PDB file of all heavy atoms in Angstrom:
ATOM      1  N   GLN A   1      34.763 -15.593 -76.250  1.00  0.00           N
ATOM      2  CA  GLN A   1      34.049 -16.182 -77.395  1.00  0.00           C
ATOM      3  C   GLN A   1      32.626 -15.651 -77.483  1.00  0.00           C
ATOM      4  O   GLN A   1      32.115 -15.396 -78.581  1.00  0.00           O
ATOM      5  CB  GLN A   1      34.038 -17.702 -77.274  1.00  0.00           C
ATOM      6  CG  GLN A   1      35.399 -18.328 -77.447  1.00  0.00           C
ATOM      7  CD  GLN A   1      35.378 -19.837 -77.261  1.00  0.00           C
ATOM      8  OE1 GLN A   1      34.324 -20.471 -77.334  1.00  0.00           O
ATOM      9  NE2 GLN A   1      36.540 -20.418 -77.014  1.00  0.00           N
ATOM     10  N   LEU A   2      31.994 -15.452 -76.334  1.00  0.00           N
ATOM     11  CA  LEU A   2      30.643 -14.894 -76.313  1.00  0.00           C
ATOM     12  C   LEU A   2      30.634 -13.487 -76.904  1.00  0.00           C
ATOM     13  O   LEU A   2      29.754 -13.138 -77.693  1.00  0.00           O
ATOM     14  CB  LEU A   2      30.101 -14.881 -74.879  1.00  0.00           C
ATOM     15  CG  LEU A   2      28.742 -14.210 -74.658  1.00  0.00           C
ATOM     16  CD1 LEU A   2      27.646 -14.885 -75.471  1.00  0.00           C
ATOM     17  CD2 LEU A   2      28.383 -14.210 -73.173  1.00  0.00           C
ATOM     18  N   VAL A   3      31.621 -12.673 -76.540  1.00  0.00           N
ATOM     19  CA  VAL A   3      31.715 -11.314 -77.089  1.00  0.00           C
ATOM     20  C   VAL A   3      31.855 -11.385 -78.607  1.00  0.00           C
ATOM     21  O   VAL A   3      31.169 -10.670 -79.338  1.00  0.00           O
ATOM     22  CB  VAL A   3      32.898 -10.538 -76.466  1.00  0.00           C
ATOM     23  CG1 VAL A   3      33.154  -9.242 -77.213  1.00  0.00           C
ATOM     24  CG2 VAL A   3      32.630 -10.248 -74.990  1.00  0.00           C
ATOM     25  N   LEU A   4      32.732 -12.256 -79.090  1.00  0.00           N
ATOM     26  CA  LEU A   4      32.924 -12.381 -80.538  1.00  0.00           C
ATOM     27  C   LEU A   4      31.631 -12.815 -81.225  1.00  0.00           C
ATOM     28  O   LEU A   4      31.250 -12.249 -82.255  1.00  0.00           O
ATOM     29  CB  LEU A   4      34.045 -13.371 -80.850  1.00  0.00           C
ATOM     30  CG  LEU A   4      34.345 -13.585 -82.344  1.00  0.00           C
ATOM     31  CD1 LEU A   4      34.717 -12.275 -83.026  1.00  0.00           C
ATOM     32  CD2 LEU A   4      35.436 -14.620 -82.531  1.00  0.00           C
ATOM     33  N   SER A   5      30.931 -13.774 -80.645  1.00  0.00           N
ATOM     34  CA  SER A   5      29.680 -14.226 -81.271  1.00  0.00           C
ATOM     35  C   SER A   5      28.646 -13.105 -81.274  1.00  0.00           C
ATOM     36  O   SER A   5      27.879 -12.959 -82.235  1.00  0.00           O
ATOM     37  CB  SER A   5      29.136 -15.475 -80.588  1.00  0.00           C
ATOM     38  OG  SER A   5      28.750 -15.197 -79.268  1.00  0.00           O
ATOM     39  N   GLN A   6      28.631 -12.270 -80.221  1.00  0.00           N
ATOM     40  CA  GLN A   6      27.694 -11.144 -80.194  1.00  0.00           C
ATOM     41  C   GLN A   6      28.058 -10.109 -81.263  1.00  0.00           C
ATOM     42  O   GLN A   6      27.178  -9.538 -81.906  1.00  0.00           O
ATOM     43  CB  GLN A   6      27.692 -10.492 -78.805  1.00  0.00           C
ATOM     44  CG  GLN A   6      26.990 -11.321 -77.745  1.00  0.00           C
ATOM     45  CD  GLN A   6      27.057 -10.667 -76.378  1.00  0.00           C
ATOM     46  OE1 GLN A   6      28.121 -10.515 -75.802  1.00  0.00           O
ATOM     47  NE2 GLN A   6      25.912 -10.267 -75.854  1.00  0.00           N
ATOM     48  N   VAL A   7      29.346  -9.859 -81.433  1.00  0.00           N
ATOM     49  CA  VAL A   7      29.790  -8.906 -82.461  1.00  0.00           C
ATOM     50  C   VAL A   7      29.388  -9.403 -83.845  1.00  0.00           C
ATOM     51  O   VAL A   7      28.924  -8.633 -84.693  1.00  0.00           O
ATOM     52  CB  VAL A   7      31.318  -8.675 -82.389  1.00  0.00           C
ATOM     53  CG1 VAL A   7      31.817  -7.910 -83.605  1.00  0.00           C
ATOM     54  CG2 VAL A   7      31.690  -7.937 -81.111  1.00  0.00           C
ATOM     55  N   LEU A   8      29.533 -10.704 -84.070  1.00  0.00           N
ATOM     56  CA  LEU A   8      29.238 -11.263 -85.392  1.00  0.00           C
ATOM     57  C   LEU A   8      27.738 -11.325 -85.682  1.00  0.00           C
ATOM     58  O   LEU A   8      27.342 -11.551 -86.820  1.00  0.00           O
ATOM     59  CB  LEU A   8      29.867 -12.655 -85.527  1.00  0.00           C
ATOM     60  CG  LEU A   8      31.403 -12.669 -85.507  1.00  0.00           C
ATOM     61  CD1 LEU A   8      31.920 -14.100 -85.515  1.00  0.00           C
ATOM     62  CD2 LEU A   8      31.981 -11.869 -86.657  1.00  0.00           C
ATOM     63  N   GLU A   9      26.908 -11.117 -84.664  1.00  0.00           N
ATOM     64  CA  GLU A   9      25.456 -11.115 -84.868  1.00  0.00           C
ATOM     65  C   GLU A   9      24.944  -9.787 -85.401  1.00  0.00           C
ATOM     66  O   GLU A   9      23.823  -9.697 -85.878  1.00  0.00           O
ATOM     67  CB  GLU A   9      24.733 -11.435 -83.548  1.00  0.00           C
ATOM     68  CG  GLU A   9      24.833 -12.882 -83.130  1.00  0.00           C
ATOM     69  CD  GLU A   9      24.279 -13.134 -81.738  1.00  0.00           C
ATOM     70  OE1 GLU A   9      23.678 -12.207 -81.150  1.00  0.00           O
ATOM     71  OE2 GLU A   9      24.444 -14.249 -81.232  1.00  0.00           O
ATOM     72  N   VAL A  10      25.739  -8.732 -85.271  1.00  0.00           N
ATOM     73  CA  VAL A  10      25.302  -7.410 -85.735  1.00  0.00           C
ATOM     74  C   VAL A  10      26.094  -7.030 -86.978  1.00  0.00           C
ATOM     75  O   VAL A  10      27.098  -7.656 -87.303  1.00  0.00           O
ATOM     76  CB  VAL A  10      25.483  -6.329 -84.637  1.00  0.00           C
ATOM     77  CG1 VAL A  10      24.645  -6.658 -83.423  1.00  0.00           C
ATOM     78  CG2 VAL A  10      26.934  -6.165 -84.253  1.00  0.00           C
ATOM     79  N   SER A  11      25.641  -6.000 -87.646  1.00  0.00           N
ATOM     80  CA  SER A  11      26.340  -5.532 -88.837  1.00  0.00           C
ATOM     81  C   SER A  11      27.650  -4.871 -88.413  1.00  0.00           C
ATOM     82  O   SER A  11      27.668  -4.011 -87.535  1.00  0.00           O
ATOM     83  CB  SER A  11      25.444  -4.535 -89.579  1.00  0.00           C
ATOM     84  OG  SER A  11      26.083  -4.104 -90.737  1.00  0.00           O
ATOM     85  N   LEU A  12      28.736  -5.281 -89.027  1.00  0.00           N
ATOM     86  CA  LEU A  12      30.041  -4.741 -88.646  1.00  0.00           C
ATOM     87  C   LEU A  12      30.126  -3.247 -88.954  1.00  0.00           C
ATOM     88  O   LEU A  12      29.581  -2.774 -89.942  1.00  0.00           O
ATOM     89  CB  LEU A  12      31.159  -5.453 -89.401  1.00  0.00           C
ATOM     90  CG  LEU A  12      31.601  -6.811 -88.884  1.00  0.00           C
ATOM     91  CD1 LEU A  12      32.847  -7.275 -89.631  1.00  0.00           C
ATOM     92  CD2 LEU A  12      31.872  -6.790 -87.404  1.00  0.00           C
ATOM     93  N   SER A  13      30.827  -2.555 -88.094  1.00  0.00           N
ATOM     94  CA  SER A  13      31.099  -1.137 -88.307  1.00  0.00           C
ATOM     95  C   SER A  13      32.528  -0.873 -87.873  1.00  0.00           C
ATOM     96  O   SER A  13      33.155  -1.707 -87.201  1.00  0.00           O
ATOM     97  CB  SER A  13      30.134  -0.275 -87.486  1.00  0.00           C
ATOM     98  OG  SER A  13      30.376  -0.471 -86.108  1.00  0.00           O
ATOM     99  N   GLU A  14      33.033   0.270 -88.231  1.00  0.00           N
ATOM    100  CA  GLU A  14      34.398   0.651 -87.850  1.00  0.00           C
ATOM    101  C   GLU A  14      34.562   0.607 -86.329  1.00  0.00           C
ATOM    102  O   GLU A  14      35.617   0.266 -85.811  1.00  0.00           O
ATOM    103  CB  GLU A  14      34.691   2.051 -88.399  1.00  0.00           C
ATOM    104  CG  GLU A  14      36.152   2.413 -88.471  1.00  0.00           C
ATOM    105  CD  GLU A  14      36.965   1.629 -89.501  1.00  0.00           C
ATOM    106  OE1 GLU A  14      36.468   1.366 -90.617  1.00  0.00           O
ATOM    107  OE2 GLU A  14      38.113   1.282 -89.168  1.00  0.00           O
ATOM    108  N   LYS A  15      33.481   0.949 -85.625  1.00  0.00           N
ATOM    109  CA  LYS A  15      33.491   0.954 -84.157  1.00  0.00           C
ATOM    110  C   LYS A  15      33.762  -0.432 -83.576  1.00  0.00           C
ATOM    111  O   LYS A  15      34.389  -0.561 -82.528  1.00  0.00           O
ATOM    112  CB  LYS A  15      32.137   1.488 -83.672  1.00  0.00           C
ATOM    113  CG  LYS A  15      31.777   1.221 -82.236  1.00  0.00           C
ATOM    114  CD  LYS A  15      30.417   1.807 -81.915  1.00  0.00           C
ATOM    115  CE  LYS A  15      29.513   0.807 -81.255  1.00  0.00           C
ATOM    116  NZ  LYS A  15      28.257   1.358 -80.791  1.00  0.00           N
ATOM    117  N   LEU A  16      33.315  -1.495 -84.265  1.00  0.00           N
ATOM    118  CA  LEU A  16      33.426  -2.847 -83.726  1.00  0.00           C
ATOM    119  C   LEU A  16      34.741  -3.545 -84.076  1.00  0.00           C
ATOM    120  O   LEU A  16      35.098  -4.539 -83.453  1.00  0.00           O
ATOM    121  CB  LEU A  16      32.262  -3.709 -84.222  1.00  0.00           C
ATOM    122  CG  LEU A  16      30.876  -3.236 -83.810  1.00  0.00           C
ATOM    123  CD1 LEU A  16      29.817  -4.178 -84.354  1.00  0.00           C
ATOM    124  CD2 LEU A  16      30.762  -3.138 -82.303  1.00  0.00           C
ATOM    125  N   LEU A  17      35.465  -3.020 -85.051  1.00  0.00           N
ATOM    126  CA  LEU A  17      36.703  -3.677 -85.466  1.00  0.00           C
ATOM    127  C   LEU A  17      37.738  -3.768 -84.337  1.00  0.00           C
ATOM    128  O   LEU A  17      38.366  -4.810 -84.171  1.00  0.00           O
ATOM    129  CB  LEU A  17      37.287  -2.979 -86.702  1.00  0.00           C
ATOM    130  CG  LEU A  17      36.407  -3.048 -87.965  1.00  0.00           C
ATOM    131  CD1 LEU A  17      37.072  -2.312 -89.118  1.00  0.00           C
ATOM    132  CD2 LEU A  17      36.081  -4.483 -88.354  1.00  0.00           C
ATOM    133  N   PRO A  18      37.918  -2.705 -83.515  1.00  0.00           N
ATOM    134  CA  PRO A  18      38.871  -2.838 -82.403  1.00  0.00           C
ATOM    135  C   PRO A  18      38.461  -3.911 -81.392  1.00  0.00           C
ATOM    136  O   PRO A  18      39.324  -4.558 -80.793  1.00  0.00           O
ATOM    137  CB  PRO A  18      38.866  -1.445 -81.755  1.00  0.00           C
ATOM    138  CG  PRO A  18      38.380  -0.512 -82.808  1.00  0.00           C
ATOM    139  CD  PRO A  18      37.433  -1.323 -83.642  1.00  0.00           C
ATOM    140  N   VAL A  19      37.157  -4.110 -81.216  1.00  0.00           N
ATOM    141  CA  VAL A  19      36.691  -5.147 -80.288  1.00  0.00           C
ATOM    142  C   VAL A  19      37.091  -6.523 -80.830  1.00  0.00           C
ATOM    143  O   VAL A  19      37.600  -7.380 -80.093  1.00  0.00           O
ATOM    144  CB  VAL A  19      35.165  -5.067 -80.077  1.00  0.00           C
ATOM    145  CG1 VAL A  19      34.688  -6.180 -79.148  1.00  0.00           C
ATOM    146  CG2 VAL A  19      34.771  -3.706 -79.520  1.00  0.00           C
ATOM    147  N   MET A  20      36.899  -6.725 -82.122  1.00  0.00           N
ATOM    148  CA  MET A  20      37.292  -7.996 -82.732  1.00  0.00           C
ATOM    149  C   MET A  20      38.800  -8.179 -82.638  1.00  0.00           C
ATOM    150  O   MET A  20      39.291  -9.276 -82.382  1.00  0.00           O
ATOM    151  CB  MET A  20      36.817  -8.055 -84.189  1.00  0.00           C
ATOM    152  CG  MET A  20      35.305  -8.111 -84.317  1.00  0.00           C
ATOM    153  SD  MET A  20      34.757  -8.090 -86.026  1.00  0.00           S
ATOM    154  CE  MET A  20      35.142  -9.748 -86.534  1.00  0.00           C
ATOM    155  N   GLN A  21      39.535  -7.085 -82.824  1.00  0.00           N
ATOM    156  CA  GLN A  21      41.000  -7.139 -82.715  1.00  0.00           C
ATOM    157  C   GLN A  21      41.413  -7.546 -81.297  1.00  0.00           C
ATOM    158  O   GLN A  21      42.325  -8.343 -81.106  1.00  0.00           O
ATOM    159  CB  GLN A  21      41.583  -5.768 -83.075  1.00  0.00           C
ATOM    160  CG  GLN A  21      43.088  -5.750 -83.224  1.00  0.00           C
ATOM    161  CD  GLN A  21      43.539  -6.321 -84.563  1.00  0.00           C
ATOM    162  OE1 GLN A  21      42.959  -6.022 -85.602  1.00  0.00           O
ATOM    163  NE2 GLN A  21      44.563  -7.148 -84.544  1.00  0.00           N
ATOM    164  N   ALA A  22      40.710  -6.999 -80.293  1.00  0.00           N
ATOM    165  CA  ALA A  22      41.004  -7.342 -78.895  1.00  0.00           C
ATOM    166  C   ALA A  22      40.716  -8.821 -78.639  1.00  0.00           C
ATOM    167  O   ALA A  22      41.486  -9.501 -77.938  1.00  0.00           O
ATOM    168  CB  ALA A  22      40.183  -6.464 -77.952  1.00  0.00           C
ATOM    169  N   VAL A  23      39.625  -9.328 -79.210  1.00  0.00           N
ATOM    170  CA  VAL A  23      39.289 -10.749 -79.057  1.00  0.00           C
ATOM    171  C   VAL A  23      40.394 -11.611 -79.661  1.00  0.00           C
ATOM    172  O   VAL A  23      40.877 -12.563 -79.037  1.00  0.00           O
ATOM    173  CB  VAL A  23      37.925 -11.072 -79.718  1.00  0.00           C
ATOM    174  CG1 VAL A  23      37.718 -12.568 -79.828  1.00  0.00           C
ATOM    175  CG2 VAL A  23      36.789 -10.433 -78.930  1.00  0.00           C
ATOM    176  N   LEU A  24      40.827 -11.264 -80.870  1.00  0.00           N
ATOM    177  CA  LEU A  24      41.874 -12.049 -81.528  1.00  0.00           C
ATOM    178  C   LEU A  24      43.202 -11.926 -80.779  1.00  0.00           C
ATOM    179  O   LEU A  24      44.002 -12.863 -80.759  1.00  0.00           O
ATOM    180  CB  LEU A  24      42.038 -11.602 -82.983  1.00  0.00           C
ATOM    181  CG  LEU A  24      40.842 -11.885 -83.892  1.00  0.00           C
ATOM    182  CD1 LEU A  24      41.090 -11.355 -85.287  1.00  0.00           C
ATOM    183  CD2 LEU A  24      40.530 -13.369 -83.939  1.00  0.00           C
ATOM    184  N   GLY A  25      43.420 -10.768 -80.159  1.00  0.00           N
ATOM    185  CA  GLY A  25      44.642 -10.548 -79.396  1.00  0.00           C
ATOM    186  C   GLY A  25      44.785 -11.499 -78.222  1.00  0.00           C
ATOM    187  O   GLY A  25      45.893 -11.742 -77.732  1.00  0.00           O
ATOM    188  N   ARG A  26      43.673 -12.023 -77.752  1.00  0.00           N
ATOM    189  CA  ARG A  26      43.715 -13.003 -76.651  1.00  0.00           C
ATOM    190  C   ARG A  26      44.256 -14.358 -77.120  1.00  0.00           C
ATOM    191  O   ARG A  26      44.616 -15.200 -76.308  1.00  0.00           O
ATOM    192  CB  ARG A  26      42.310 -13.191 -76.068  1.00  0.00           C
ATOM    193  CG  ARG A  26      41.783 -12.033 -75.259  1.00  0.00           C
ATOM    194  CD  ARG A  26      42.417 -11.973 -73.878  1.00  0.00           C
ATOM    195  NE  ARG A  26      42.180 -13.184 -73.115  1.00  0.00           N
ATOM    196  CZ  ARG A  26      41.184 -13.334 -72.235  1.00  0.00           C
ATOM    197  NH1 ARG A  26      40.349 -12.342 -72.005  1.00  0.00           N
ATOM    198  NH2 ARG A  26      41.034 -14.471 -71.581  1.00  0.00           N
ATOM    199  N   GLN A  27      44.267 -14.570 -78.429  1.00  0.00           N
ATOM    200  CA  GLN A  27      44.788 -15.797 -79.043  1.00  0.00           C
ATOM    201  C   GLN A  27      44.132 -17.059 -78.467  1.00  0.00           C
ATOM    202  O   GLN A  27      44.800 -18.063 -78.220  1.00  0.00           O
ATOM    203  CB  GLN A  27      46.315 -15.859 -78.898  1.00  0.00           C
ATOM    204  CG  GLN A  27      46.988 -14.701 -79.583  1.00  0.00           C
ATOM    205  CD  GLN A  27      48.498 -14.814 -79.620  1.00  0.00           C
ATOM    206  OE1 GLN A  27      49.085 -15.689 -79.013  1.00  0.00           O
ATOM    207  NE2 GLN A  27      49.125 -13.916 -80.350  1.00  0.00           N
ATOM    208  N   GLU A  28      42.834 -16.955 -78.278  1.00  0.00           N
ATOM    209  CA  GLU A  28      42.084 -18.117 -77.801  1.00  0.00           C
ATOM    210  C   GLU A  28      41.799 -19.051 -78.973  1.00  0.00           C
ATOM    211  O   GLU A  28      41.667 -18.619 -80.113  1.00  0.00           O
ATOM    212  CB  GLU A  28      40.748 -17.675 -77.185  1.00  0.00           C
ATOM    213  CG  GLU A  28      40.862 -16.688 -76.046  1.00  0.00           C
ATOM    214  CD  GLU A  28      41.465 -17.273 -74.782  1.00  0.00           C
ATOM    215  OE1 GLU A  28      41.544 -18.512 -74.682  1.00  0.00           O
ATOM    216  OE2 GLU A  28      41.878 -16.497 -73.915  1.00  0.00           O
ATOM    217  N   VAL A  29      41.694 -20.327 -78.668  1.00  0.00           N
ATOM    218  CA  VAL A  29      41.283 -21.289 -79.690  1.00  0.00           C
ATOM    219  C   VAL A  29      39.779 -21.131 -79.866  1.00  0.00           C
ATOM    220  O   VAL A  29      39.014 -21.236 -78.907  1.00  0.00           O
ATOM    221  CB  VAL A  29      41.627 -22.731 -79.259  1.00  0.00           C
ATOM    222  CG1 VAL A  29      41.098 -23.732 -80.279  1.00  0.00           C
ATOM    223  CG2 VAL A  29      43.126 -22.876 -79.086  1.00  0.00           C
ATOM    224  N   LEU A  30      39.363 -20.842 -81.084  1.00  0.00           N
ATOM    225  CA  LEU A  30      37.941 -20.645 -81.360  1.00  0.00           C
ATOM    226  C   LEU A  30      37.321 -21.957 -81.815  1.00  0.00           C
ATOM    227  O   LEU A  30      37.932 -22.705 -82.572  1.00  0.00           O
ATOM    228  CB  LEU A  30      37.751 -19.582 -82.451  1.00  0.00           C
ATOM    229  CG  LEU A  30      38.272 -18.177 -82.137  1.00  0.00           C
ATOM    230  CD1 LEU A  30      38.071 -17.277 -83.349  1.00  0.00           C
ATOM    231  CD2 LEU A  30      37.591 -17.586 -80.923  1.00  0.00           C
ATOM    232  N   PRO A  31      36.083 -22.223 -81.375  1.00  0.00           N
ATOM    233  CA  PRO A  31      35.389 -23.407 -81.898  1.00  0.00           C
ATOM    234  C   PRO A  31      35.235 -23.276 -83.415  1.00  0.00           C
ATOM    235  O   PRO A  31      35.086 -22.159 -83.926  1.00  0.00           O
ATOM    236  CB  PRO A  31      34.024 -23.362 -81.216  1.00  0.00           C
ATOM    237  CG  PRO A  31      34.083 -22.298 -80.183  1.00  0.00           C
ATOM    238  CD  PRO A  31      35.264 -21.445 -80.451  1.00  0.00           C
TER     239      PRO A  31
END
């Protein structure tokens, strides 16, 4: 969740989309 919040603090780029995909792949319940 910390990684996702850090990603969302910066301007999205093509480079960051796989990181977000990896976060979602964990299927964690997000606050």
